[in-house]
């Protein structure tokens, strides 16, 4: 299982993700924070381009390209992906995987084209609202089953499905984890849970069940609940500084057939 530290970027700075209540907090230089996560043992980085997510702007393209070049580990990016040209631009910028969000629902052909162009370097995100796909209904106005939705893409060469429960910001991480694990049980594609960890103990419990391929972790790292190093020590059973496999170079930019998920 892989832990993906999340770096949400707005105006070139690392900020709190919009899912957090209140005014976004600025945490500092995104590149410096990325390098700090690498020092703590990160195997992958999950970057969210909030500016592109809001209005399709590309002002963070160069910054994220610089981050990808500055770290020796693979980078995946999400936010504002509307076309195959957007996917190609991110890949050309040096990222390793691209997450397609709502556009996957609107244009499933985009996911198919992107996964053929970049096999096992494309992910989709699935936002759930209880037992329904968040933000969408069928032509008849009925809720859409997120499991059935995820299975539509199971035949494609995806590297993963990112699942996040959005029904209630006060929902416990264990409930969010359960929602992700239910989808994982019905698809072959690796599933990554987002916003499902609040303690290091939950890291160990999730790894023991072996149902998810990974978890995206944001707020607890920035709020000082635990460090990435502490979470990885819980996951691996050894301090990241003593993990021999960290000396093995990670494949980047499509060198491997998998995103690590």
C-alpha atoms as a PDB file:
ATOM      1  CA  UNK A   1       0.000   0.000   0.000  1.00  0.00           C
ATOM      2  CA  UNK A   2       1.196   3.494  -0.837  1.00  0.00           C
ATOM      3  CA  UNK A   3       0.595   6.737   1.052  1.00  0.00           C
ATOM      4  CA  UNK A   4       0.286   9.751  -1.235  1.00  0.00           C
ATOM      5  CA  UNK A   5       0.954  13.046   0.569  1.00  0.00           C
ATOM      6  CA  UNK A   6      -1.315  15.663  -0.969  1.00  0.00           C
ATOM      7  CA  UNK A   7      -0.106  19.091  -2.070  1.00  0.00           C
ATOM      8  CA  UNK A   8      -2.972  21.401  -3.049  1.00  0.00           C
ATOM      9  CA  UNK A   9      -1.686  24.352  -5.075  1.00  0.00           C
ATOM     10  CA  UNK A  10      -3.235  27.776  -5.548  1.00  0.00           C
ATOM     11  CA  UNK A  11      -1.362  30.810  -6.896  1.00  0.00           C
ATOM     12  CA  UNK A  12       1.887  28.887  -6.699  1.00  0.00           C
ATOM     13  CA  UNK A  13       1.557  28.109  -2.987  1.00  0.00           C
ATOM     14  CA  UNK A  14       0.648  24.999  -1.047  1.00  0.00           C
ATOM     15  CA  UNK A  15      -2.724  25.627   0.620  1.00  0.00           C
ATOM     16  CA  UNK A  16      -5.341  23.697   2.547  1.00  0.00           C
ATOM     17  CA  UNK A  17      -7.710  21.733   0.336  1.00  0.00           C
ATOM     18  CA  UNK A  18     -11.165  23.306  -0.276  1.00  0.00           C
ATOM     19  CA  UNK A  19     -12.751  20.334   1.517  1.00  0.00           C
ATOM     20  CA  UNK A  20     -11.428  21.896   4.745  1.00  0.00           C
ATOM     21  CA  UNK A  21     -13.821  24.372   6.434  1.00  0.00           C
ATOM     22  CA  UNK A  22     -13.029  28.076   6.576  1.00  0.00           C
ATOM     23  CA  UNK A  23     -10.618  30.218   4.602  1.00  0.00           C
ATOM     24  CA  UNK A  24      -7.816  28.268   2.895  1.00  0.00           C
ATOM     25  CA  UNK A  25      -4.598  28.355   4.861  1.00  0.00           C
ATOM     26  CA  UNK A  26      -1.301  28.937   3.068  1.00  0.00           C
ATOM     27  CA  UNK A  27       1.346  26.424   4.121  1.00  0.00           C
ATOM     28  CA  UNK A  28       4.262  27.657   2.039  1.00  0.00           C
ATOM     29  CA  UNK A  29       6.308  26.975  -1.072  1.00  0.00           C
ATOM     30  CA  UNK A  30       4.955  23.917  -2.879  1.00  0.00           C
ATOM     31  CA  UNK A  31       8.354  22.768  -4.158  1.00  0.00           C
ATOM     32  CA  UNK A  32       9.937  22.954  -0.722  1.00  0.00           C
ATOM     33  CA  UNK A  33       7.080  20.998   0.802  1.00  0.00           C
ATOM     34  CA  UNK A  34       7.359  18.360  -1.932  1.00  0.00           C
ATOM     35  CA  UNK A  35      11.052  17.932  -1.161  1.00  0.00           C
ATOM     36  CA  UNK A  36      10.285  17.690   2.568  1.00  0.00           C
ATOM     37  CA  UNK A  37       7.872  14.837   1.898  1.00  0.00           C
ATOM     38  CA  UNK A  38      10.570  13.062  -0.101  1.00  0.00           C
ATOM     39  CA  UNK A  39      12.984  13.458   2.810  1.00  0.00           C
ATOM     40  CA  UNK A  40      10.399  11.847   5.090  1.00  0.00           C
ATOM     41  CA  UNK A  41      10.108   8.813   2.819  1.00  0.00           C
ATOM     42  CA  UNK A  42       7.359   9.582   0.291  1.00  0.00           C
ATOM     43  CA  UNK A  43       7.118   7.126  -2.607  1.00  0.00           C
ATOM     44  CA  UNK A  44       4.611   9.206  -4.598  1.00  0.00           C
ATOM     45  CA  UNK A  45       3.211  12.743  -4.511  1.00  0.00           C
ATOM     46  CA  UNK A  46      -0.410  13.701  -5.211  1.00  0.00           C
ATOM     47  CA  UNK A  47      -0.655  17.283  -6.514  1.00  0.00           C
ATOM     48  CA  UNK A  48      -3.960  19.134  -6.881  1.00  0.00           C
ATOM     49  CA  UNK A  49      -4.016  22.158  -9.205  1.00  0.00           C
ATOM     50  CA  UNK A  50      -6.815  24.184  -7.615  1.00  0.00           C
ATOM     51  CA  UNK A  51      -6.507  27.042 -10.103  1.00  0.00           C
ATOM     52  CA  UNK A  52      -7.013  24.675 -13.026  1.00  0.00           C
ATOM     53  CA  UNK A  53      -9.826  22.984 -11.116  1.00  0.00           C
ATOM     54  CA  UNK A  54     -11.613  26.326 -10.731  1.00  0.00           C
ATOM     55  CA  UNK A  55     -11.224  27.886 -14.163  1.00  0.00           C
ATOM     56  CA  UNK A  56      -8.966  25.747 -16.331  1.00  0.00           C
ATOM     57  CA  UNK A  57      -6.040  28.135 -15.859  1.00  0.00           C
ATOM     58  CA  UNK A  58      -2.575  26.782 -16.603  1.00  0.00           C
ATOM     59  CA  UNK A  59      -0.446  29.116 -14.495  1.00  0.00           C
ATOM     60  CA  UNK A  60       0.721  26.234 -12.279  1.00  0.00           C
ATOM     61  CA  UNK A  61       1.879  24.062 -15.172  1.00  0.00           C
ATOM     62  CA  UNK A  62       5.476  25.297 -14.995  1.00  0.00           C
ATOM     63  CA  UNK A  63       5.547  25.040 -11.204  1.00  0.00           C
ATOM     64  CA  UNK A  64       4.294  21.466 -11.183  1.00  0.00           C
ATOM     65  CA  UNK A  65       6.732  20.611 -13.959  1.00  0.00           C
ATOM     66  CA  UNK A  66       9.529  21.976 -11.765  1.00  0.00           C
ATOM     67  CA  UNK A  67       8.305  19.910  -8.815  1.00  0.00           C
ATOM     68  CA  UNK A  68       8.260  16.754 -10.937  1.00  0.00           C
ATOM     69  CA  UNK A  69      11.835  17.485 -12.021  1.00  0.00           C
ATOM     70  CA  UNK A  70      12.992  18.316  -8.497  1.00  0.00           C
ATOM     71  CA  UNK A  71      11.911  15.080  -6.815  1.00  0.00           C
ATOM     72  CA  UNK A  72      13.230  11.554  -7.498  1.00  0.00           C
ATOM     73  CA  UNK A  73       9.799   9.970  -7.049  1.00  0.00           C
ATOM     74  CA  UNK A  74       6.732   9.780  -9.316  1.00  0.00           C
ATOM     75  CA  UNK A  75       4.116  12.534  -9.264  1.00  0.00           C
ATOM     76  CA  UNK A  76       0.402  12.357 -10.051  1.00  0.00           C
ATOM     77  CA  UNK A  77      -1.711  15.448 -10.667  1.00  0.00           C
ATOM     78  CA  UNK A  78      -5.420  16.231 -10.606  1.00  0.00           C
ATOM     79  CA  UNK A  79      -7.520  19.286 -11.327  1.00  0.00           C
ATOM     80  CA  UNK A  80      -8.940  20.865 -14.464  1.00  0.00           C
ATOM     81  CA  UNK A  81      -8.396  17.993 -16.895  1.00  0.00           C
ATOM     82  CA  UNK A  82     -10.993  18.509 -19.638  1.00  0.00           C
ATOM     83  CA  UNK A  83      -9.427  17.073 -22.772  1.00  0.00           C
ATOM     84  CA  UNK A  84      -6.785  14.759 -24.165  1.00  0.00           C
ATOM     85  CA  UNK A  85      -4.727  17.876 -24.871  1.00  0.00           C
ATOM     86  CA  UNK A  86      -4.764  18.656 -21.136  1.00  0.00           C
ATOM     87  CA  UNK A  87      -3.538  15.140 -20.367  1.00  0.00           C
ATOM     88  CA  UNK A  88      -0.794  15.443 -22.970  1.00  0.00           C
ATOM     89  CA  UNK A  89       0.271  18.809 -21.548  1.00  0.00           C
ATOM     90  CA  UNK A  90       0.679  17.338 -18.076  1.00  0.00           C
ATOM     91  CA  UNK A  91       2.601  14.345 -19.357  1.00  0.00           C
ATOM     92  CA  UNK A  92       4.862  16.641 -21.367  1.00  0.00           C
ATOM     93  CA  UNK A  93       5.421  18.632 -18.170  1.00  0.00           C
ATOM     94  CA  UNK A  94       6.945  15.539 -16.587  1.00  0.00           C
ATOM     95  CA  UNK A  95       4.217  14.166 -14.341  1.00  0.00           C
ATOM     96  CA  UNK A  96       3.764  10.419 -14.158  1.00  0.00           C
ATOM     97  CA  UNK A  97       0.004  10.035 -13.790  1.00  0.00           C
ATOM     98  CA  UNK A  98      -3.057  12.210 -14.406  1.00  0.00           C
ATOM     99  CA  UNK A  99      -6.385  12.002 -12.584  1.00  0.00           C
ATOM    100  CA  UNK A 100      -9.542  12.724 -14.585  1.00  0.00           C
ATOM    101  CA  UNK A 101     -12.474  13.868 -12.448  1.00  0.00           C
ATOM    102  CA  UNK A 102     -15.974  14.881 -13.518  1.00  0.00           C
ATOM    103  CA  UNK A 103     -15.003  14.824 -17.179  1.00  0.00           C
ATOM    104  CA  UNK A 104     -14.830  11.040 -16.870  1.00  0.00           C
ATOM    105  CA  UNK A 105     -18.579  11.062 -16.262  1.00  0.00           C
ATOM    106  CA  UNK A 106     -19.354  13.557 -19.010  1.00  0.00           C
ATOM    107  CA  UNK A 107     -16.971  12.112 -21.574  1.00  0.00           C
ATOM    108  CA  UNK A 108     -15.981   8.505 -20.835  1.00  0.00           C
ATOM    109  CA  UNK A 109     -14.428   8.452 -24.300  1.00  0.00           C
ATOM    110  CA  UNK A 110     -11.811  10.885 -22.944  1.00  0.00           C
ATOM    111  CA  UNK A 111     -10.744   8.309 -20.374  1.00  0.00           C
ATOM    112  CA  UNK A 112     -10.602   5.602 -23.010  1.00  0.00           C
ATOM    113  CA  UNK A 113      -8.523   7.763 -25.374  1.00  0.00           C
ATOM    114  CA  UNK A 114      -6.188   8.906 -22.609  1.00  0.00           C
ATOM    115  CA  UNK A 115      -5.663   5.376 -21.277  1.00  0.00           C
ATOM    116  CA  UNK A 116      -4.829   4.145 -24.770  1.00  0.00           C
ATOM    117  CA  UNK A 117      -2.433   7.043 -25.318  1.00  0.00           C
ATOM    118  CA  UNK A 118      -0.868   6.629 -21.854  1.00  0.00           C
ATOM    119  CA  UNK A 119      -1.633   3.094 -20.623  1.00  0.00           C
ATOM    120  CA  UNK A 120      -1.551   2.642 -16.837  1.00  0.00           C
ATOM    121  CA  UNK A 121      -0.803   6.325 -16.278  1.00  0.00           C
ATOM    122  CA  UNK A 122      -4.417   7.527 -16.047  1.00  0.00           C
ATOM    123  CA  UNK A 123      -6.705   7.460 -13.018  1.00  0.00           C
ATOM    124  CA  UNK A 124     -10.315   8.510 -12.562  1.00  0.00           C
ATOM    125  CA  UNK A 125     -11.831   9.981  -9.421  1.00  0.00           C
ATOM    126  CA  UNK A 126     -15.141   8.802  -8.014  1.00  0.00           C
ATOM    127  CA  UNK A 127     -16.840  11.100  -5.501  1.00  0.00           C
ATOM    128  CA  UNK A 128     -19.574   9.376  -3.545  1.00  0.00           C
ATOM    129  CA  UNK A 129     -22.517  10.821  -1.636  1.00  0.00           C
ATOM    130  CA  UNK A 130     -23.676   7.976   0.527  1.00  0.00           C
ATOM    131  CA  UNK A 131     -24.717   5.220  -1.855  1.00  0.00           C
ATOM    132  CA  UNK A 132     -24.819   7.521  -4.888  1.00  0.00           C
ATOM    133  CA  UNK A 133     -22.355   9.139  -7.255  1.00  0.00           C
ATOM    134  CA  UNK A 134     -21.946  12.721  -6.036  1.00  0.00           C
ATOM    135  CA  UNK A 135     -23.150  15.529  -8.279  1.00  0.00           C
ATOM    136  CA  UNK A 136     -24.772  13.398 -10.967  1.00  0.00           C
ATOM    137  CA  UNK A 137     -28.039  11.594 -11.652  1.00  0.00           C
ATOM    138  CA  UNK A 138     -29.270   9.374 -14.455  1.00  0.00           C
ATOM    139  CA  UNK A 139     -31.324  10.702 -17.366  1.00  0.00           C
ATOM    140  CA  UNK A 140     -34.433   9.783 -15.404  1.00  0.00           C
ATOM    141  CA  UNK A 141     -33.201  11.699 -12.362  1.00  0.00           C
ATOM    142  CA  UNK A 142     -32.314   8.663 -10.300  1.00  0.00           C
ATOM    143  CA  UNK A 143     -29.120   8.330  -8.238  1.00  0.00           C
ATOM    144  CA  UNK A 144     -26.208   6.598  -9.948  1.00  0.00           C
ATOM    145  CA  UNK A 145     -24.631   3.605  -8.244  1.00  0.00           C
ATOM    146  CA  UNK A 146     -20.914   4.448  -7.750  1.00  0.00           C
ATOM    147  CA  UNK A 147     -19.957   0.775  -8.012  1.00  0.00           C
ATOM    148  CA  UNK A 148     -21.644   0.415 -11.392  1.00  0.00           C
ATOM    149  CA  UNK A 149     -20.056   3.691 -12.471  1.00  0.00           C
ATOM    150  CA  UNK A 150     -16.550   2.571 -11.487  1.00  0.00           C
ATOM    151  CA  UNK A 151     -17.049  -0.748 -13.269  1.00  0.00           C
ATOM    152  CA  UNK A 152     -17.658   1.089 -16.561  1.00  0.00           C
ATOM    153  CA  UNK A 153     -13.942   1.872 -16.645  1.00  0.00           C
ATOM    154  CA  UNK A 154     -12.632  -1.459 -15.375  1.00  0.00           C
ATOM    155  CA  UNK A 155     -11.753  -2.747 -18.838  1.00  0.00           C
ATOM    156  CA  UNK A 156      -9.548   0.270 -19.569  1.00  0.00           C
ATOM    157  CA  UNK A 157      -5.807   0.456 -18.919  1.00  0.00           C
ATOM    158  CA  UNK A 158      -6.127   2.634 -15.814  1.00  0.00           C
ATOM    159  CA  UNK A 159      -3.581   2.775 -13.025  1.00  0.00           C
ATOM    160  CA  UNK A 160      -6.165   3.527 -10.367  1.00  0.00           C
ATOM    161  CA  UNK A 161      -9.491   4.853  -9.147  1.00  0.00           C
ATOM    162  CA  UNK A 162      -9.457   7.594  -6.498  1.00  0.00           C
ATOM    163  CA  UNK A 163     -12.508   7.362  -4.223  1.00  0.00           C
ATOM    164  CA  UNK A 164     -13.668  10.097  -1.855  1.00  0.00           C
ATOM    165  CA  UNK A 165     -16.868  10.236   0.185  1.00  0.00           C
ATOM    166  CA  UNK A 166     -18.228  13.803   0.102  1.00  0.00           C
ATOM    167  CA  UNK A 167     -21.642  13.390   1.759  1.00  0.00           C
ATOM    168  CA  UNK A 168     -20.666  14.888   5.103  1.00  0.00           C
ATOM    169  CA  UNK A 169     -17.469  16.654   6.143  1.00  0.00           C
ATOM    170  CA  UNK A 170     -18.021  15.334   9.689  1.00  0.00           C
ATOM    171  CA  UNK A 171     -18.212  11.714   8.532  1.00  0.00           C
ATOM    172  CA  UNK A 172     -15.718   9.513  10.324  1.00  0.00           C
ATOM    173  CA  UNK A 173     -12.652   8.337   8.405  1.00  0.00           C
ATOM    174  CA  UNK A 174     -13.700   4.738   9.067  1.00  0.00           C
ATOM    175  CA  UNK A 175     -17.000   5.336   7.252  1.00  0.00           C
ATOM    176  CA  UNK A 176     -15.172   6.966   4.346  1.00  0.00           C
ATOM    177  CA  UNK A 177     -12.731   4.065   4.294  1.00  0.00           C
ATOM    178  CA  UNK A 178     -15.607   1.593   4.162  1.00  0.00           C
ATOM    179  CA  UNK A 179     -17.083   3.397   1.144  1.00  0.00           C
ATOM    180  CA  UNK A 180     -13.781   3.112  -0.717  1.00  0.00           C
ATOM    181  CA  UNK A 181     -13.325  -0.545   0.242  1.00  0.00           C
ATOM    182  CA  UNK A 182     -16.790  -1.447  -1.054  1.00  0.00           C
ATOM    183  CA  UNK A 183     -15.910  -0.108  -4.495  1.00  0.00           C
ATOM    184  CA  UNK A 184     -12.501  -1.817  -4.356  1.00  0.00           C
ATOM    185  CA  UNK A 185     -14.237  -5.150  -3.773  1.00  0.00           C
ATOM    186  CA  UNK A 186     -16.118  -4.842  -7.070  1.00  0.00           C
ATOM    187  CA  UNK A 187     -13.403  -3.689  -9.486  1.00  0.00           C
ATOM    188  CA  UNK A 188     -10.082  -5.045 -10.712  1.00  0.00           C
ATOM    189  CA  UNK A 189      -8.526  -1.593 -10.991  1.00  0.00           C
ATOM    190  CA  UNK A 190      -6.535  -0.572  -7.881  1.00  0.00           C
ATOM    191  CA  UNK A 191      -8.474   1.793  -5.610  1.00  0.00           C
ATOM    192  CA  UNK A 192      -6.948   4.698  -3.682  1.00  0.00           C
ATOM    193  CA  UNK A 193      -8.939   6.251  -0.841  1.00  0.00           C
ATOM    194  CA  UNK A 194      -8.844  10.012  -0.283  1.00  0.00           C
ATOM    195  CA  UNK A 195      -9.351  11.802   3.045  1.00  0.00           C
ATOM    196  CA  UNK A 196      -9.771   8.520   4.915  1.00  0.00           C
ATOM    197  CA  UNK A 197      -6.921   8.741   7.442  1.00  0.00           C
ATOM    198  CA  UNK A 198      -6.843  10.787  10.638  1.00  0.00           C
ATOM    199  CA  UNK A 199      -4.465   8.749  12.834  1.00  0.00           C
ATOM    200  CA  UNK A 200      -1.415   6.567  12.305  1.00  0.00           C
ATOM    201  CA  UNK A 201      -3.353   3.664  13.813  1.00  0.00           C
ATOM    202  CA  UNK A 202      -5.770   3.863  10.901  1.00  0.00           C
ATOM    203  CA  UNK A 203      -2.820   3.488   8.539  1.00  0.00           C
ATOM    204  CA  UNK A 204      -1.884   0.173  10.107  1.00  0.00           C
ATOM    205  CA  UNK A 205      -5.476  -1.053  10.175  1.00  0.00           C
ATOM    206  CA  UNK A 206      -6.047  -0.208   6.533  1.00  0.00           C
ATOM    207  CA  UNK A 207      -2.832  -1.910   5.481  1.00  0.00           C
ATOM    208  CA  UNK A 208      -3.750  -5.033   7.454  1.00  0.00           C
ATOM    209  CA  UNK A 209      -7.044  -5.392   5.585  1.00  0.00           C
ATOM    210  CA  UNK A 210      -5.223  -5.130   2.241  1.00  0.00           C
ATOM    211  CA  UNK A 211      -8.314  -3.910   0.385  1.00  0.00           C
ATOM    212  CA  UNK A 212      -6.979  -0.608  -0.942  1.00  0.00           C
ATOM    213  CA  UNK A 213      -3.882   0.079  -3.004  1.00  0.00           C
ATOM    214  CA  UNK A 214      -3.226   3.373  -1.282  1.00  0.00           C
ATOM    215  CA  UNK A 215      -4.467   6.475   0.491  1.00  0.00           C
ATOM    216  CA  UNK A 216      -4.143  10.188  -0.202  1.00  0.00           C
ATOM    217  CA  UNK A 217      -3.290  12.059   2.996  1.00  0.00           C
ATOM    218  CA  UNK A 218      -3.516  15.819   3.396  1.00  0.00           C
ATOM    219  CA  UNK A 219      -4.973  17.611   6.413  1.00  0.00           C
ATOM    220  CA  UNK A 220      -3.421  15.489   9.213  1.00  0.00           C
ATOM    221  CA  UNK A 221       0.058  16.155   7.815  1.00  0.00           C
ATOM    222  CA  UNK A 222      -0.469  19.919   7.753  1.00  0.00           C
ATOM    223  CA  UNK A 223      -2.408  20.116  11.021  1.00  0.00           C
ATOM    224  CA  UNK A 224       0.425  18.405  12.887  1.00  0.00           C
ATOM    225  CA  UNK A 225      -1.600  15.305  13.807  1.00  0.00           C
ATOM    226  CA  UNK A 226       1.251  13.142  12.561  1.00  0.00           C
ATOM    227  CA  UNK A 227       4.133  13.399  10.118  1.00  0.00           C
ATOM    228  CA  UNK A 228       4.503  11.422   6.921  1.00  0.00           C
ATOM    229  CA  UNK A 229       7.525   9.721   8.478  1.00  0.00           C
ATOM    230  CA  UNK A 230       5.404   8.545  11.421  1.00  0.00           C
ATOM    231  CA  UNK A 231       2.660   7.269   9.118  1.00  0.00           C
ATOM    232  CA  UNK A 232       5.144   5.379   6.963  1.00  0.00           C
ATOM    233  CA  UNK A 233       6.782   3.851  10.033  1.00  0.00           C
ATOM    234  CA  UNK A 234       3.341   2.536  11.038  1.00  0.00           C
ATOM    235  CA  UNK A 235       2.807   1.202   7.525  1.00  0.00           C
ATOM    236  CA  UNK A 236       6.211  -0.367   6.988  1.00  0.00           C
ATOM    237  CA  UNK A 237       7.127  -1.358  10.534  1.00  0.00           C
ATOM    238  CA  UNK A 238      10.462   0.395  10.133  1.00  0.00           C
ATOM    239  CA  UNK A 239      11.606   4.005  10.140  1.00  0.00           C
ATOM    240  CA  UNK A 240      11.739   5.318   6.544  1.00  0.00           C
ATOM    241  CA  UNK A 241      15.370   6.303   7.086  1.00  0.00           C
ATOM    242  CA  UNK A 242      16.185   2.620   7.630  1.00  0.00           C
ATOM    243  CA  UNK A 243      14.116   1.232   4.749  1.00  0.00           C
ATOM    244  CA  UNK A 244      16.570  -0.369   2.322  1.00  0.00           C
ATOM    245  CA  UNK A 245      14.181  -0.147  -0.622  1.00  0.00           C
ATOM    246  CA  UNK A 246      14.331   3.641  -0.547  1.00  0.00           C
ATOM    247  CA  UNK A 247      17.723   3.320  -2.219  1.00  0.00           C
ATOM    248  CA  UNK A 248      16.090   1.693  -5.251  1.00  0.00           C
ATOM    249  CA  UNK A 249      15.280   4.378  -7.866  1.00  0.00           C
ATOM    250  CA  UNK A 250      11.534   4.716  -8.490  1.00  0.00           C
ATOM    251  CA  UNK A 251      10.415   4.445 -12.130  1.00  0.00           C
ATOM    252  CA  UNK A 252       9.249   7.794 -13.489  1.00  0.00           C
ATOM    253  CA  UNK A 253       7.398   9.135 -16.506  1.00  0.00           C
ATOM    254  CA  UNK A 254       5.952   5.846 -17.672  1.00  0.00           C
ATOM    255  CA  UNK A 255       9.085   3.724 -17.220  1.00  0.00           C
ATOM    256  CA  UNK A 256       6.860   1.217 -15.414  1.00  0.00           C
ATOM    257  CA  UNK A 257       3.551  -0.257 -16.546  1.00  0.00           C
ATOM    258  CA  UNK A 258       1.980   0.784 -13.245  1.00  0.00           C
ATOM    259  CA  UNK A 259       1.592   4.009 -11.287  1.00  0.00           C
ATOM    260  CA  UNK A 260       2.650   2.220  -8.151  1.00  0.00           C
ATOM    261  CA  UNK A 261      -0.915   1.585  -7.137  1.00  0.00           C
END
